[in-house]
PDB file of N, CA and C in Angstrom:
ATOM      1  N   UNK A   1       0.758  -1.297  -0.082  1.00  0.00           N
ATOM      2  CA  UNK A   1       0.205  -0.084   0.186  1.00  0.00           C
ATOM      3  C   UNK A   1       0.855   1.298   0.012  1.00  0.00           C
ATOM      4  N   UNK A   2       2.125   1.174  -0.160  1.00  0.00           N
ATOM      5  CA  UNK A   2       3.066   2.334   0.222  1.00  0.00           C
ATOM      6  C   UNK A   2       2.784   3.013  -1.278  1.00  0.00           C
ATOM      7  N   UNK A   3       2.635   2.517  -2.470  1.00  0.00           N
ATOM      8  CA  UNK A   3       2.449   3.491  -3.573  1.00  0.00           C
ATOM      9  C   UNK A   3       1.316   4.436  -3.678  1.00  0.00           C
ATOM     10  N   UNK A   4       0.175   3.565  -2.967  1.00  0.00           N
ATOM     11  CA  UNK A   4      -1.107   4.433  -2.495  1.00  0.00           C
ATOM     12  C   UNK A   4      -0.834   5.590  -1.750  1.00  0.00           C
ATOM     13  N   UNK A   5      -0.013   5.274  -0.775  1.00  0.00           N
ATOM     14  CA  UNK A   5       0.060   6.366   0.269  1.00  0.00           C
ATOM     15  C   UNK A   5       1.066   7.270  -0.204  1.00  0.00           C
ATOM     16  N   UNK A   6       1.989   7.062  -1.061  1.00  0.00           N
ATOM     17  CA  UNK A   6       2.985   7.988  -1.684  1.00  0.00           C
ATOM     18  C   UNK A   6       2.113   8.740  -2.702  1.00  0.00           C
ATOM     19  N   UNK A   7       0.854   8.481  -3.501  1.00  0.00           N
ATOM     20  CA  UNK A   7      -0.010   9.039  -4.493  1.00  0.00           C
ATOM     21  C   UNK A   7      -0.715   9.912  -3.793  1.00  0.00           C
ATOM     22  N   UNK A   8      -1.274   9.643  -2.634  1.00  0.00           N
ATOM     23  CA  UNK A   8      -2.084  10.296  -1.442  1.00  0.00           C
ATOM     24  C   UNK A   8      -1.362  11.717  -1.305  1.00  0.00           C
ATOM     25  N   UNK A   9       0.076  11.349  -0.837  1.00  0.00           N
ATOM     26  CA  UNK A   9       0.675  12.432  -0.285  1.00  0.00           C
ATOM     27  C   UNK A   9       1.093  13.553  -1.376  1.00  0.00           C
ATOM     28  N   UNK A  10       1.469  12.779  -2.448  1.00  0.00           N
ATOM     29  CA  UNK A  10       1.647  13.912  -3.801  1.00  0.00           C
ATOM     30  C   UNK A  10       0.477  14.539  -4.098  1.00  0.00           C
ATOM     31  N   UNK A  11      -0.601  13.962  -4.277  1.00  0.00           N
ATOM     32  CA  UNK A  11      -1.872  14.820  -4.159  1.00  0.00           C
ATOM     33  C   UNK A  11      -2.216  15.907  -3.090  1.00  0.00           C
ATOM     34  N   UNK A  12      -1.899  15.628  -1.764  1.00  0.00           N
ATOM     35  CA  UNK A  12      -2.184  16.587  -0.788  1.00  0.00           C
ATOM     36  C   UNK A  12      -1.076  17.818  -0.757  1.00  0.00           C
ATOM     37  N   UNK A  13       0.269  17.346  -1.092  1.00  0.00           N
ATOM     38  CA  UNK A  13       1.150  18.128  -0.875  1.00  0.00           C
ATOM     39  C   UNK A  13       2.293  17.985  -2.053  1.00  0.00           C
ATOM     40  N   UNK A  14       1.693  18.389  -3.190  1.00  0.00           N
ATOM     41  CA  UNK A  14       2.398  18.496  -4.346  1.00  0.00           C
ATOM     42  C   UNK A  14       3.767  19.420  -4.388  1.00  0.00           C
ATOM     43  N   UNK A  15       3.822  20.234  -3.398  1.00  0.00           N
ATOM     44  CA  UNK A  15       5.219  21.285  -3.385  1.00  0.00           C
ATOM     45  C   UNK A  15       6.316  20.485  -2.498  1.00  0.00           C
ATOM     46  N   UNK A  16       5.648  19.640  -2.129  1.00  0.00           N
ATOM     47  CA  UNK A  16       6.729  18.589  -1.004  1.00  0.00           C
ATOM     48  C   UNK A  16       7.173  17.431  -1.751  1.00  0.00           C
ATOM     49  N   UNK A  17       6.766  17.062  -2.784  1.00  0.00           N
ATOM     50  CA  UNK A  17       7.003  15.589  -3.276  1.00  0.00           C
ATOM     51  C   UNK A  17       7.644  16.014  -4.691  1.00  0.00           C
ATOM     52  N   UNK A  18       8.659  15.387  -4.911  1.00  0.00           N
ATOM     53  CA  UNK A  18       9.577  15.261  -6.513  1.00  0.00           C
ATOM     54  C   UNK A  18       8.867  14.481  -7.178  1.00  0.00           C
ATOM     55  N   UNK A  19       8.773  13.192  -7.112  1.00  0.00           N
ATOM     56  CA  UNK A  19       7.934  12.266  -8.037  1.00  0.00           C
ATOM     57  C   UNK A  19       7.502  11.083  -7.017  1.00  0.00           C
ATOM     58  N   UNK A  20       6.741  10.167  -7.885  1.00  0.00           N
ATOM     59  CA  UNK A  20       5.877   9.145  -7.055  1.00  0.00           C
ATOM     60  C   UNK A  20       6.473   8.046  -8.125  1.00  0.00           C
ATOM     61  N   UNK A  21       6.912   6.970  -7.349  1.00  0.00           N
ATOM     62  CA  UNK A  21       6.970   5.395  -7.902  1.00  0.00           C
ATOM     63  C   UNK A  21       6.004   4.335  -7.337  1.00  0.00           C
ATOM     64  N   UNK A  22       5.471   3.746  -8.206  1.00  0.00           N
ATOM     65  CA  UNK A  22       4.626   2.772  -7.630  1.00  0.00           C
ATOM     66  C   UNK A  22       4.904   1.246  -8.060  1.00  0.00           C
ATOM     67  N   UNK A  23       4.971   0.220  -7.218  1.00  0.00           N
ATOM     68  CA  UNK A  23       5.448  -0.992  -7.456  1.00  0.00           C
ATOM     69  C   UNK A  23       4.336  -1.962  -7.421  1.00  0.00           C
ATOM     70  N   UNK A  24       3.650  -2.425  -8.569  1.00  0.00           N
ATOM     71  CA  UNK A  24       2.520  -3.353  -8.213  1.00  0.00           C
ATOM     72  C   UNK A  24       1.435  -2.718  -7.168  1.00  0.00           C
ATOM     73  N   UNK A  25       1.231  -1.498  -7.160  1.00  0.00           N
ATOM     74  CA  UNK A  25       0.214  -0.937  -6.390  1.00  0.00           C
ATOM     75  C   UNK A  25      -1.156  -0.657  -7.156  1.00  0.00           C
ATOM     76  N   UNK A  26      -2.201  -1.044  -6.759  1.00  0.00           N
ATOM     77  CA  UNK A  26      -3.372  -1.087  -7.460  1.00  0.00           C
ATOM     78  C   UNK A  26      -4.140   0.344  -7.237  1.00  0.00           C
ATOM     79  N   UNK A  27      -3.855   1.320  -7.546  1.00  0.00           N
ATOM     80  CA  UNK A  27      -3.908   2.838  -7.200  1.00  0.00           C
ATOM     81  C   UNK A  27      -5.337   3.060  -8.078  1.00  0.00           C
ATOM     82  N   UNK A  28      -5.616   2.635  -9.132  1.00  0.00           N
ATOM     83  CA  UNK A  28      -6.790   2.803  -9.956  1.00  0.00           C
ATOM     84  C   UNK A  28      -8.027   2.095  -9.354  1.00  0.00           C
ATOM     85  N   UNK A  29      -8.050   0.957  -8.760  1.00  0.00           N
ATOM     86  CA  UNK A  29      -8.924   0.421  -8.305  1.00  0.00           C
ATOM     87  C   UNK A  29      -8.609  -0.276  -6.988  1.00  0.00           C
ATOM     88  N   UNK A  30      -8.412   0.855  -6.296  1.00  0.00           N
ATOM     89  CA  UNK A  30      -8.021   0.745  -4.759  1.00  0.00           C
ATOM     90  C   UNK A  30      -9.030  -0.102  -3.824  1.00  0.00           C
ATOM     91  N   UNK A  31      -9.940   0.083  -3.811  1.00  0.00           N
ATOM     92  CA  UNK A  31     -11.053  -0.579  -3.134  1.00  0.00           C
ATOM     93  C   UNK A  31     -11.362  -2.028  -3.710  1.00  0.00           C
ATOM     94  N   UNK A  32     -11.050  -2.438  -4.922  1.00  0.00           N
ATOM     95  CA  UNK A  32     -11.542  -3.654  -5.427  1.00  0.00           C
ATOM     96  C   UNK A  32     -10.196  -4.716  -5.283  1.00  0.00           C
ATOM     97  N   UNK A  33     -10.451  -5.866  -4.284  1.00  0.00           N
ATOM     98  CA  UNK A  33      -9.382  -6.992  -4.293  1.00  0.00           C
ATOM     99  C   UNK A  33     -10.180  -8.172  -4.432  1.00  0.00           C
ATOM    100  N   UNK A  34      -9.516  -8.920  -5.269  1.00  0.00           N
ATOM    101  CA  UNK A  34     -10.436 -10.169  -5.175  1.00  0.00           C
ATOM    102  C   UNK A  34      -9.656 -11.046  -3.803  1.00  0.00           C
ATOM    103  N   UNK A  35      -8.755 -10.619  -3.300  1.00  0.00           N
ATOM    104  CA  UNK A  35      -8.827 -11.337  -1.733  1.00  0.00           C
ATOM    105  C   UNK A  35      -9.160 -10.754  -0.694  1.00  0.00           C
ATOM    106  N   UNK A  36      -9.561  -9.505  -0.694  1.00  0.00           N
ATOM    107  CA  UNK A  36     -10.136  -8.838   0.117  1.00  0.00           C
ATOM    108  C   UNK A  36     -11.290  -7.741  -0.255  1.00  0.00           C
ATOM    109  N   UNK A  37     -12.450  -8.079  -0.344  1.00  0.00           N
ATOM    110  CA  UNK A  37     -13.514  -7.268  -0.655  1.00  0.00           C
ATOM    111  C   UNK A  37     -13.646  -5.914   0.295  1.00  0.00           C
ATOM    112  N   UNK A  38     -13.035  -5.046   0.101  1.00  0.00           N
ATOM    113  CA  UNK A  38     -13.160  -3.998   1.150  1.00  0.00           C
ATOM    114  C   UNK A  38     -14.476  -3.193   1.328  1.00  0.00           C
ATOM    115  N   UNK A  39     -15.268  -3.001   0.362  1.00  0.00           N
ATOM    116  CA  UNK A  39     -16.356  -1.993   0.758  1.00  0.00           C
ATOM    117  C   UNK A  39     -17.419  -2.360   1.835  1.00  0.00           C
ATOM    118  N   UNK A  40     -17.660  -3.863   1.837  1.00  0.00           N
ATOM    119  CA  UNK A  40     -18.455  -4.237   2.916  1.00  0.00           C
ATOM    120  C   UNK A  40     -17.841  -3.757   4.616  1.00  0.00           C
ATOM    121  N   UNK A  41     -16.456  -3.820   4.513  1.00  0.00           N
ATOM    122  CA  UNK A  41     -16.093  -3.439   5.780  1.00  0.00           C
ATOM    123  C   UNK A  41     -15.833  -1.972   6.286  1.00  0.00           C
ATOM    124  N   UNK A  42     -16.033  -1.156   5.167  1.00  0.00           N
ATOM    125  CA  UNK A  42     -15.725   0.382   5.101  1.00  0.00           C
ATOM    126  C   UNK A  42     -16.644   1.102   5.970  1.00  0.00           C
ATOM    127  N   UNK A  43     -17.923   0.288   6.078  1.00  0.00           N
ATOM    128  CA  UNK A  43     -18.945   1.170   7.194  1.00  0.00           C
ATOM    129  C   UNK A  43     -18.481   1.015   8.547  1.00  0.00           C
ATOM    130  N   UNK A  44     -17.352   0.499   8.982  1.00  0.00           N
ATOM    131  CA  UNK A  44     -17.043   0.418  10.400  1.00  0.00           C
ATOM    132  C   UNK A  44     -16.213   1.518  10.731  1.00  0.00           C
ATOM    133  N   UNK A  45     -15.646   2.256   9.667  1.00  0.00           N
ATOM    134  CA  UNK A  45     -14.737   3.633   9.825  1.00  0.00           C
ATOM    135  C   UNK A  45     -15.554   4.647   8.972  1.00  0.00           C
ATOM    136  N   UNK A  46     -15.606   5.644   9.930  1.00  0.00           N
ATOM    137  CA  UNK A  46     -16.448   6.870   9.825  1.00  0.00           C
ATOM    138  C   UNK A  46     -15.354   7.812   9.268  1.00  0.00           C
ATOM    139  N   UNK A  47     -14.117   7.831   9.773  1.00  0.00           N
ATOM    140  CA  UNK A  47     -13.205   8.737   9.423  1.00  0.00           C
ATOM    141  C   UNK A  47     -11.843   8.097   9.696  1.00  0.00           C
ATOM    142  N   UNK A  48     -10.966   8.200   8.749  1.00  0.00           N
ATOM    143  CA  UNK A  48     -10.869   8.855   7.327  1.00  0.00           C
ATOM    144  C   UNK A  48     -12.068   8.577   6.450  1.00  0.00           C
ATOM    145  N   UNK A  49     -12.532   9.325   5.654  1.00  0.00           N
ATOM    146  CA  UNK A  49     -13.262   8.843   4.424  1.00  0.00           C
ATOM    147  C   UNK A  49     -12.405   8.001   3.449  1.00  0.00           C
ATOM    148  N   UNK A  50     -12.378   6.708   3.419  1.00  0.00           N
ATOM    149  CA  UNK A  50     -11.482   5.850   2.837  1.00  0.00           C
ATOM    150  C   UNK A  50     -11.834   5.897   1.250  1.00  0.00           C
ATOM    151  N   UNK A  51     -13.278   5.779   0.864  1.00  0.00           N
ATOM    152  CA  UNK A  51     -13.281   5.536  -0.322  1.00  0.00           C
ATOM    153  C   UNK A  51     -13.038   7.269  -1.129  1.00  0.00           C
ATOM    154  N   UNK A  52     -13.275   8.131  -0.269  1.00  0.00           N
ATOM    155  CA  UNK A  52     -12.616   9.532  -1.062  1.00  0.00           C
ATOM    156  C   UNK A  52     -10.967   9.338  -1.081  1.00  0.00           C
ATOM    157  N   UNK A  53     -10.506   8.847  -0.297  1.00  0.00           N
ATOM    158  CA  UNK A  53      -9.012   8.847  -0.265  1.00  0.00           C
ATOM    159  C   UNK A  53      -8.608   7.967  -1.464  1.00  0.00           C
ATOM    160  N   UNK A  54      -9.419   6.761  -1.664  1.00  0.00           N
ATOM    161  CA  UNK A  54      -9.241   5.826  -2.902  1.00  0.00           C
ATOM    162  C   UNK A  54      -9.420   6.785  -4.028  1.00  0.00           C
ATOM    163  N   UNK A  55     -10.363   7.329  -4.377  1.00  0.00           N
ATOM    164  CA  UNK A  55     -10.685   8.189  -5.619  1.00  0.00           C
ATOM    165  C   UNK A  55      -9.691   9.399  -5.530  1.00  0.00           C
ATOM    166  N   UNK A  56      -9.003   9.721  -4.535  1.00  0.00           N
ATOM    167  CA  UNK A  56      -7.863  10.865  -4.687  1.00  0.00           C
ATOM    168  C   UNK A  56      -6.663  10.094  -5.457  1.00  0.00           C
ATOM    169  N   UNK A  57      -6.268   9.144  -4.726  1.00  0.00           N
ATOM    170  CA  UNK A  57      -5.055   8.013  -5.254  1.00  0.00           C
ATOM    171  C   UNK A  57      -5.301   7.844  -6.653  1.00  0.00           C
ATOM    172  N   UNK A  58      -6.171   7.455  -7.235  1.00  0.00           N
ATOM    173  CA  UNK A  58      -6.532   7.100  -8.386  1.00  0.00           C
ATOM    174  C   UNK A  58      -6.609   8.299  -9.712  1.00  0.00           C
ATOM    175  N   UNK A  59      -6.651   9.429  -9.067  1.00  0.00           N
ATOM    176  CA  UNK A  59      -6.362  10.482 -10.186  1.00  0.00           C
ATOM    177  C   UNK A  59      -5.159  10.660 -10.645  1.00  0.00           C
ATOM    178  N   UNK A  60      -4.810  11.342 -11.604  1.00  0.00           N
ATOM    179  CA  UNK A  60      -3.471  11.637 -12.373  1.00  0.00           C
ATOM    180  C   UNK A  60      -2.747  12.478 -11.331  1.00  0.00           C
ATOM    181  N   UNK A  61      -1.457  11.866 -11.429  1.00  0.00           N
ATOM    182  CA  UNK A  61      -0.769  12.646 -10.398  1.00  0.00           C
ATOM    183  C   UNK A  61      -0.441  14.246 -10.807  1.00  0.00           C
ATOM    184  N   UNK A  62      -0.089  15.112  -9.703  1.00  0.00           N
ATOM    185  CA  UNK A  62       0.380  16.214  -9.934  1.00  0.00           C
ATOM    186  C   UNK A  62       2.056  16.600  -9.963  1.00  0.00           C
ATOM    187  N   UNK A  63       2.469  15.125 -10.092  1.00  0.00           N
ATOM    188  CA  UNK A  63       3.938  15.290 -10.069  1.00  0.00           C
ATOM    189  C   UNK A  63       4.332  13.979 -11.028  1.00  0.00           C
ATOM    190  N   UNK A  64       5.414  14.280 -11.531  1.00  0.00           N
ATOM    191  CA  UNK A  64       6.068  13.023 -12.251  1.00  0.00           C
ATOM    192  C   UNK A  64       5.835  11.660 -11.660  1.00  0.00           C
ATOM    193  N   UNK A  65       5.759  10.662 -12.523  1.00  0.00           N
ATOM    194  CA  UNK A  65       5.481   9.323 -11.718  1.00  0.00           C
ATOM    195  C   UNK A  65       5.903   8.227 -12.696  1.00  0.00           C
ATOM    196  N   UNK A  66       6.483   6.964 -12.155  1.00  0.00           N
ATOM    197  CA  UNK A  66       6.692   5.603 -12.576  1.00  0.00           C
ATOM    198  C   UNK A  66       5.886   4.699 -12.022  1.00  0.00           C
ATOM    199  N   UNK A  67       5.395   3.756 -12.898  1.00  0.00           N
ATOM    200  CA  UNK A  67       4.334   2.770 -12.449  1.00  0.00           C
ATOM    201  C   UNK A  67       4.806   1.543 -12.969  1.00  0.00           C
ATOM    202  N   UNK A  68       5.122   0.607 -12.102  1.00  0.00           N
ATOM    203  CA  UNK A  68       5.681  -0.772 -12.456  1.00  0.00           C
ATOM    204  C   UNK A  68       4.560  -1.662 -12.068  1.00  0.00           C
ATOM    205  N   UNK A  69       4.609  -2.695 -13.183  1.00  0.00           N
ATOM    206  CA  UNK A  69       3.216  -3.505 -12.987  1.00  0.00           C
ATOM    207  C   UNK A  69       3.681  -4.979 -13.367  1.00  0.00           C
ATOM    208  N   UNK A  70       3.167  -6.168 -13.005  1.00  0.00           N
ATOM    209  CA  UNK A  70       3.513  -7.188 -13.550  1.00  0.00           C
ATOM    210  C   UNK A  70       2.202  -7.930 -13.893  1.00  0.00           C
ATOM    211  N   UNK A  71       1.993  -8.425 -14.997  1.00  0.00           N
ATOM    212  CA  UNK A  71       0.854  -9.455 -15.446  1.00  0.00           C
ATOM    213  C   UNK A  71       0.785 -10.525 -14.588  1.00  0.00           C
ATOM    214  N   UNK A  72       1.692 -10.999 -14.138  1.00  0.00           N
ATOM    215  CA  UNK A  72       2.079 -12.176 -13.183  1.00  0.00           C
ATOM    216  C   UNK A  72       2.087 -11.966 -11.925  1.00  0.00           C
ATOM    217  N   UNK A  73       1.383 -11.023 -11.574  1.00  0.00           N
ATOM    218  CA  UNK A  73       1.602 -10.200 -10.198  1.00  0.00           C
ATOM    219  C   UNK A  73       0.848 -11.575  -9.115  1.00  0.00           C
ATOM    220  N   UNK A  74      -0.103 -12.053  -9.434  1.00  0.00           N
ATOM    221  CA  UNK A  74      -0.672 -13.089  -8.545  1.00  0.00           C
ATOM    222  C   UNK A  74      -1.656 -12.537  -7.492  1.00  0.00           C
ATOM    223  N   UNK A  75      -1.561 -11.238  -7.200  1.00  0.00           N
ATOM    224  CA  UNK A  75      -2.256 -10.807  -5.886  1.00  0.00           C
ATOM    225  C   UNK A  75      -3.235  -9.581  -6.449  1.00  0.00           C
ATOM    226  N   UNK A  76      -2.758  -8.536  -7.402  1.00  0.00           N
ATOM    227  CA  UNK A  76      -3.363  -7.426  -7.543  1.00  0.00           C
ATOM    228  C   UNK A  76      -3.487  -7.499  -8.663  1.00  0.00           C
ATOM    229  N   UNK A  77      -4.516  -6.603  -9.597  1.00  0.00           N
ATOM    230  CA  UNK A  77      -4.855  -6.762 -10.997  1.00  0.00           C
ATOM    231  C   UNK A  77      -3.959  -5.752 -11.753  1.00  0.00           C
ATOM    232  N   UNK A  78      -3.142  -6.309 -12.688  1.00  0.00           N
ATOM    233  CA  UNK A  78      -2.067  -5.663 -13.303  1.00  0.00           C
ATOM    234  C   UNK A  78      -2.864  -4.073 -13.741  1.00  0.00           C
ATOM    235  N   UNK A  79      -4.101  -4.045 -14.203  1.00  0.00           N
ATOM    236  CA  UNK A  79      -4.697  -2.993 -14.967  1.00  0.00           C
ATOM    237  C   UNK A  79      -4.940  -2.029 -13.847  1.00  0.00           C
ATOM    238  N   UNK A  80      -5.021  -2.039 -12.623  1.00  0.00           N
ATOM    239  CA  UNK A  80      -5.064  -1.244 -11.557  1.00  0.00           C
ATOM    240  C   UNK A  80      -3.910  -0.513 -11.242  1.00  0.00           C
ATOM    241  N   UNK A  81      -2.846  -1.004 -11.811  1.00  0.00           N
ATOM    242  CA  UNK A  81      -1.311  -0.393 -11.434  1.00  0.00           C
ATOM    243  C   UNK A  81      -0.798   0.247 -12.611  1.00  0.00           C
ATOM    244  N   UNK A  82      -1.555   0.655 -13.547  1.00  0.00           N
ATOM    245  CA  UNK A  82      -0.916   1.456 -14.689  1.00  0.00           C
ATOM    246  C   UNK A  82      -1.659   2.793 -14.834  1.00  0.00           C
ATOM    247  N   UNK A  83      -0.925   3.950 -15.176  1.00  0.00           N
ATOM    248  CA  UNK A  83      -1.529   5.046 -15.538  1.00  0.00           C
ATOM    249  C   UNK A  83      -1.745   5.179 -16.917  1.00  0.00           C
ATOM    250  N   UNK A  84      -3.171   5.051 -17.420  1.00  0.00           N
ATOM    251  CA  UNK A  84      -3.295   5.006 -18.863  1.00  0.00           C
ATOM    252  C   UNK A  84      -3.080   6.312 -19.724  1.00  0.00           C
ATOM    253  N   UNK A  85      -2.972   7.882 -18.691  1.00  0.00           N
ATOM    254  CA  UNK A  85      -2.950   8.814 -19.494  1.00  0.00           C
ATOM    255  C   UNK A  85      -1.434   8.900 -19.620  1.00  0.00           C
ATOM    256  N   UNK A  86      -0.478   8.158 -18.656  1.00  0.00           N
ATOM    257  CA  UNK A  86       1.128   8.245 -19.136  1.00  0.00           C
ATOM    258  C   UNK A  86       1.588   6.943 -19.654  1.00  0.00           C
ATOM    259  N   UNK A  87       1.498   6.233 -20.605  1.00  0.00           N
ATOM    260  CA  UNK A  87       2.076   5.087 -20.980  1.00  0.00           C
ATOM    261  C   UNK A  87       3.379   5.022 -21.183  1.00  0.00           C
ATOM    262  N   UNK A  88       4.120   5.974 -21.220  1.00  0.00           N
ATOM    263  CA  UNK A  88       5.604   6.196 -21.382  1.00  0.00           C
ATOM    264  C   UNK A  88       6.245   5.908 -19.979  1.00  0.00           C
ATOM    265  N   UNK A  89       5.293   6.227 -19.037  1.00  0.00           N
ATOM    266  CA  UNK A  89       5.852   6.087 -17.574  1.00  0.00           C
ATOM    267  C   UNK A  89       5.308   4.608 -16.703  1.00  0.00           C
ATOM    268  N   UNK A  90       4.855   3.970 -17.587  1.00  0.00           N
ATOM    269  CA  UNK A  90       4.472   2.406 -17.134  1.00  0.00           C
ATOM    270  C   UNK A  90       5.493   1.518 -17.575  1.00  0.00           C
ATOM    271  N   UNK A  91       5.914   0.823 -16.673  1.00  0.00           N
ATOM    272  CA  UNK A  91       6.937  -0.228 -16.975  1.00  0.00           C
ATOM    273  C   UNK A  91       6.450  -1.654 -16.533  1.00  0.00           C
ATOM    274  N   UNK A  92       6.486  -2.590 -17.580  1.00  0.00           N
ATOM    275  CA  UNK A  92       5.861  -4.265 -17.084  1.00  0.00           C
ATOM    276  C   UNK A  92       7.392  -4.649 -16.831  1.00  0.00           C
ATOM    277  N   UNK A  93       7.192  -5.677 -15.698  1.00  0.00           N
ATOM    278  CA  UNK A  93       8.222  -6.566 -15.335  1.00  0.00           C
ATOM    279  C   UNK A  93       7.472  -7.812 -15.328  1.00  0.00           C
ATOM    280  N   UNK A  94       8.205  -8.882 -15.384  1.00  0.00           N
ATOM    281  CA  UNK A  94       7.959 -10.268 -14.853  1.00  0.00           C
ATOM    282  C   UNK A  94       7.965 -10.682 -13.617  1.00  0.00           C
ATOM    283  N   UNK A  95       7.077 -10.963 -12.773  1.00  0.00           N
ATOM    284  CA  UNK A  95       7.273 -11.383 -11.275  1.00  0.00           C
ATOM    285  C   UNK A  95       6.435 -11.637 -10.500  1.00  0.00           C
ATOM    286  N   UNK A  96       6.177 -12.179  -9.360  1.00  0.00           N
ATOM    287  CA  UNK A  96       5.341 -12.200  -8.529  1.00  0.00           C
ATOM    288  C   UNK A  96       5.024 -11.155  -7.497  1.00  0.00           C
ATOM    289  N   UNK A  97       4.023 -10.853  -6.972  1.00  0.00           N
ATOM    290  CA  UNK A  97       3.754  -9.479  -6.156  1.00  0.00           C
ATOM    291  C   UNK A  97       4.987  -9.814  -4.985  1.00  0.00           C
ATOM    292  N   UNK A  98       4.694 -11.171  -4.375  1.00  0.00           N
ATOM    293  CA  UNK A  98       5.642 -11.191  -3.075  1.00  0.00           C
ATOM    294  C   UNK A  98       6.758 -11.217  -3.356  1.00  0.00           C
ATOM    295  N   UNK A  99       7.581 -11.274  -4.458  1.00  0.00           N
ATOM    296  CA  UNK A  99       9.141 -11.045  -4.511  1.00  0.00           C
ATOM    297  C   UNK A  99       9.108  -9.961  -5.516  1.00  0.00           C
ATOM    298  N   UNK A 100       8.553  -8.968  -5.852  1.00  0.00           N
ATOM    299  CA  UNK A 100       8.810  -7.965  -6.691  1.00  0.00           C
ATOM    300  C   UNK A 100       9.897  -7.158  -6.064  1.00  0.00           C
ATOM    301  N   UNK A 101       9.950  -6.767  -4.699  1.00  0.00           N
ATOM    302  CA  UNK A 101      10.809  -5.889  -4.078  1.00  0.00           C
ATOM    303  C   UNK A 101      12.342  -6.295  -4.081  1.00  0.00           C
ATOM    304  N   UNK A 102      12.597  -7.377  -4.558  1.00  0.00           N
ATOM    305  CA  UNK A 102      13.880  -7.491  -4.571  1.00  0.00           C
ATOM    306  C   UNK A 102      14.353  -8.160  -6.110  1.00  0.00           C
ATOM    307  N   UNK A 103      13.305  -7.605  -7.201  1.00  0.00           N
ATOM    308  CA  UNK A 103      13.530  -7.897  -8.627  1.00  0.00           C
ATOM    309  C   UNK A 103      14.759  -7.053  -9.014  1.00  0.00           C
ATOM    310  N   UNK A 104      15.737  -7.683  -9.562  1.00  0.00           N
ATOM    311  CA  UNK A 104      16.824  -6.627 -10.247  1.00  0.00           C
ATOM    312  C   UNK A 104      16.249  -5.663 -11.351  1.00  0.00           C
ATOM    313  N   UNK A 105      15.243  -6.217 -12.089  1.00  0.00           N
ATOM    314  CA  UNK A 105      14.728  -5.325 -12.992  1.00  0.00           C
ATOM    315  C   UNK A 105      14.000  -4.178 -12.433  1.00  0.00           C
ATOM    316  N   UNK A 106      13.394  -4.346 -11.541  1.00  0.00           N
ATOM    317  CA  UNK A 106      12.558  -3.282 -10.784  1.00  0.00           C
ATOM    318  C   UNK A 106      13.686  -2.344  -9.960  1.00  0.00           C
ATOM    319  N   UNK A 107      14.241  -2.835  -9.473  1.00  0.00           N
ATOM    320  CA  UNK A 107      15.465  -1.806  -8.693  1.00  0.00           C
ATOM    321  C   UNK A 107      16.150  -1.302  -9.987  1.00  0.00           C
ATOM    322  N   UNK A 108      16.546  -1.507 -10.952  1.00  0.00           N
ATOM    323  CA  UNK A 108      17.203  -1.063 -12.128  1.00  0.00           C
ATOM    324  C   UNK A 108      16.211   0.141 -12.648  1.00  0.00           C
ATOM    325  N   UNK A 109      15.061  -0.091 -12.897  1.00  0.00           N
ATOM    326  CA  UNK A 109      13.913   0.798 -13.583  1.00  0.00           C
ATOM    327  C   UNK A 109      13.874   2.094 -12.233  1.00  0.00           C
ATOM    328  N   UNK A 110      13.612   1.730 -11.209  1.00  0.00           N
ATOM    329  CA  UNK A 110      13.724   2.534 -10.204  1.00  0.00           C
ATOM    330  C   UNK A 110      14.894   3.458  -9.865  1.00  0.00           C
ATOM    331  N   UNK A 111      15.851   3.134  -9.955  1.00  0.00           N
ATOM    332  CA  UNK A 111      17.277   3.759 -10.005  1.00  0.00           C
ATOM    333  C   UNK A 111      17.225   4.599 -11.210  1.00  0.00           C
ATOM    334  N   UNK A 112      17.045   4.249 -12.318  1.00  0.00           N
ATOM    335  CA  UNK A 112      16.971   5.185 -13.504  1.00  0.00           C
ATOM    336  C   UNK A 112      16.230   6.316 -13.450  1.00  0.00           C
ATOM    337  N   UNK A 113      14.900   5.997 -13.018  1.00  0.00           N
ATOM    338  CA  UNK A 113      13.875   7.173 -12.913  1.00  0.00           C
ATOM    339  C   UNK A 113      14.196   8.184 -11.788  1.00  0.00           C
ATOM    340  N   UNK A 114      14.819   7.730 -10.670  1.00  0.00           N
ATOM    341  CA  UNK A 114      15.081   8.561  -9.421  1.00  0.00           C
ATOM    342  C   UNK A 114      16.130   9.380  -9.670  1.00  0.00           C
ATOM    343  N   UNK A 115      16.998   8.990 -10.856  1.00  0.00           N
ATOM    344  CA  UNK A 115      18.129   9.534 -11.043  1.00  0.00           C
ATOM    345  C   UNK A 115      18.051  10.685 -12.359  1.00  0.00           C
ATOM    346  N   UNK A 116      16.595  10.664 -12.824  1.00  0.00           N
ATOM    347  CA  UNK A 116      16.679  11.392 -14.132  1.00  0.00           C
ATOM    348  C   UNK A 116      16.330  12.926 -13.781  1.00  0.00           C
ATOM    349  N   UNK A 117      16.773  13.526 -14.624  1.00  0.00           N
ATOM    350  CA  UNK A 117      16.304  15.253 -14.403  1.00  0.00           C
ATOM    351  C   UNK A 117      14.936  15.105 -14.942  1.00  0.00           C
ATOM    352  N   UNK A 118      14.491  16.013 -13.917  1.00  0.00           N
ATOM    353  CA  UNK A 118      12.885  16.513 -14.246  1.00  0.00           C
ATOM    354  C   UNK A 118      12.792  17.685 -14.598  1.00  0.00           C
ATOM    355  N   UNK A 119      11.789  18.354 -15.330  1.00  0.00           N
ATOM    356  CA  UNK A 119      11.359  19.622 -15.595  1.00  0.00           C
ATOM    357  C   UNK A 119      11.158  20.290 -14.508  1.00  0.00           C
ATOM    358  N   UNK A 120      11.619  21.761 -14.482  1.00  0.00           N
ATOM    359  CA  UNK A 120      11.764  22.699 -13.160  1.00  0.00           C
ATOM    360  C   UNK A 120      12.445  22.481 -12.422  1.00  0.00           C
TER     361      UNK A 120
END
């Protein structure tokens, strides 16, 4: 959920966030999960407004982004991990969700993207 949290911070404080990278984070359909259907449980929490936060996280970012996804994820739907308005910033890798954090290809993409020159 770190990628979703990073997107929220970028929306709330774009002046304090240089760029956002998400790695297999289902930010487009945060509330939908095959493993844990969240909407029935959301009635328990009155605040914060989780559906509103999920909607905000799904909006295009106000800062540059990198979106890594895997069609072989096995936990989240890869379609929820891409930004259709920025296909040039989406990177497909091969791997399972549980091992993605140590995948050399993911680390290489992140290193290159974090080192890049950004406008402004």
